[in-house]
Protein backbone atom coordinates (compact mmCIF):
# COMPACT_ATOMS: atom_id res chain seq x y z
CA UNK A 1 -20.10 -22.37 -27.26
CA UNK A 2 -18.24 -20.69 -24.35
CA UNK A 3 -19.45 -17.48 -22.39
CA UNK A 4 -18.67 -15.86 -19.22
CA UNK A 5 -20.34 -12.85 -17.72
CA UNK A 6 -21.73 -11.15 -14.76
CA UNK A 7 -25.63 -11.67 -14.49
CA UNK A 8 -27.33 -8.35 -15.25
CA UNK A 9 -29.74 -7.22 -12.63
CA UNK A 10 -28.60 -9.82 -10.13
CA UNK A 11 -28.29 -8.17 -6.56
CA UNK A 12 -24.72 -8.33 -5.05
CA UNK A 13 -24.17 -11.37 -3.01
CA UNK A 14 -23.38 -10.63 0.74
CA UNK A 15 -22.13 -13.37 3.07
CA UNK A 16 -22.51 -13.60 6.79
CA UNK A 17 -18.81 -13.27 6.97
CA UNK A 18 -18.84 -9.86 5.49
CA UNK A 19 -17.44 -10.12 2.16
CA UNK A 20 -19.42 -9.42 -1.17
CA UNK A 21 -19.27 -10.36 -4.69
CA UNK A 22 -21.09 -10.33 -8.04
CA UNK A 23 -23.12 -13.23 -9.33
CA UNK A 24 -21.57 -14.49 -12.63
CA UNK A 25 -22.40 -17.32 -15.02
CA UNK A 26 -20.19 -19.54 -17.19
CA UNK A 27 -21.62 -21.46 -20.23
CA UNK A 28 -19.83 -24.31 -22.08
CA UNK A 29 -22.22 -25.65 -24.62
CA UNK A 30 -25.32 -27.08 -22.63
CA UNK A 31 -23.46 -26.85 -19.22
CA UNK A 32 -24.16 -23.62 -17.16
CA UNK A 33 -22.61 -22.77 -13.76
CA UNK A 34 -23.27 -19.85 -11.59
CA UNK A 35 -20.46 -18.44 -9.38
CA UNK A 36 -19.86 -15.64 -7.08
CA UNK A 37 -16.78 -13.43 -7.85
CA UNK A 38 -15.73 -11.86 -4.64
CA UNK A 39 -15.13 -7.99 -4.60
CA UNK A 40 -11.97 -6.55 -2.80
CA UNK A 41 -8.87 -7.66 -4.49
CA UNK A 42 -10.49 -7.21 -7.97
CA UNK A 43 -13.66 -5.26 -8.90
CA UNK A 44 -16.05 -5.94 -11.75
CA UNK A 45 -13.86 -4.29 -14.46
CA UNK A 46 -10.77 -6.29 -13.45
CA UNK A 47 -12.69 -9.68 -13.96
CA UNK A 48 -14.13 -8.49 -17.26
CA UNK A 49 -10.78 -7.17 -18.50
CA UNK A 50 -9.04 -10.46 -17.63
CA UNK A 51 -11.79 -12.42 -19.39
CA UNK A 52 -11.44 -10.38 -22.55
CA UNK A 53 -7.63 -10.77 -22.40
CA UNK A 54 -7.85 -14.52 -21.92
CA UNK A 55 -10.21 -14.88 -24.75
CA UNK A 56 -7.96 -12.65 -27.01
CA UNK A 57 -4.84 -14.86 -26.16
CA UNK A 58 -6.70 -17.86 -27.56
CA UNK A 59 -8.02 -15.92 -30.47
CA UNK A 60 -4.49 -14.97 -31.33
CA UNK A 61 -3.42 -18.56 -31.23
CA UNK A 62 -1.88 -18.95 -27.69
CA UNK A 63 -1.74 -22.59 -26.54
CA UNK A 64 -3.12 -21.82 -23.20
CA UNK A 65 -5.23 -19.17 -21.30
CA UNK A 66 -7.29 -18.75 -18.27
CA UNK A 67 -10.41 -16.97 -16.99
CA UNK A 68 -10.49 -15.99 -13.40
CA UNK A 69 -13.70 -16.24 -11.50
CA UNK A 70 -12.35 -15.72 -8.02
CA UNK A 71 -9.20 -13.70 -7.72
CA UNK A 72 -6.22 -15.75 -6.36
CA UNK A 73 -8.51 -18.82 -5.79
CA UNK A 74 -10.46 -20.17 -8.68
CA UNK A 75 -9.99 -20.03 -12.60
CA UNK A 76 -11.08 -21.91 -15.67
CA UNK A 77 -7.97 -22.93 -17.60
CA UNK A 78 -8.12 -23.39 -21.42
CA UNK A 79 -5.80 -25.03 -23.67
CA UNK A 80 -5.80 -25.97 -27.18
CA UNK A 81 -5.10 -29.31 -29.05
CA UNK A 82 -5.04 -28.72 -32.73
CA UNK A 83 -8.46 -27.21 -33.69
CA UNK A 84 -10.12 -28.02 -30.14
CA UNK A 85 -10.04 -25.86 -27.13
CA UNK A 86 -10.58 -27.58 -23.74
CA UNK A 87 -11.69 -25.70 -20.73
CA UNK A 88 -11.56 -27.05 -16.84
CA UNK A 89 -12.06 -25.30 -13.73
CA UNK A 90 -9.11 -25.32 -11.38
CA UNK A 91 -8.51 -24.36 -7.80
CA UNK A 92 -5.48 -22.15 -7.80
CA UNK A 93 -2.55 -23.26 -5.28
CA UNK A 94 0.18 -21.07 -3.90
CA UNK A 95 2.89 -22.46 -6.51
CA UNK A 96 0.61 -21.43 -9.35
CA UNK A 97 -0.07 -17.94 -8.17
CA UNK A 98 3.31 -16.24 -8.81
CA UNK A 99 2.91 -16.50 -12.67
CA UNK A 100 -0.68 -15.09 -12.54
CA UNK A 101 0.28 -12.18 -10.27
CA UNK A 102 3.33 -11.44 -12.48
CA UNK A 103 1.34 -11.44 -15.65
CA UNK A 104 -1.57 -9.36 -14.29
CA UNK A 105 0.90 -6.80 -12.84
CA UNK A 106 2.76 -6.49 -16.19
CA UNK A 107 -0.53 -5.43 -17.72
CA UNK A 108 -1.52 -2.84 -15.36
CA UNK A 109 -1.37 0.86 -16.69
């Protein structure tokens, strides 16, 4: 089982540095991790749209996809090996960002 969502009724996160975000949760079978998705570059709808598009790519048979939980910084990558799909959290580095930004910009209305 895989699920990614914002936690309903959870108050916004506010840091001492002045940034805010939304509490989310990712579930992989029995593993559950909470995260804070920063607001600013992306809003809640941006994250949710990307998660749906990422899932749809896998449903459509793509060999890889990803689920962004912190715009330009952290994502959960997914790749398929026959009938299995593997998911792993990764920190994005500068060299990886160009394809992400290009793919995202191509999908903007």
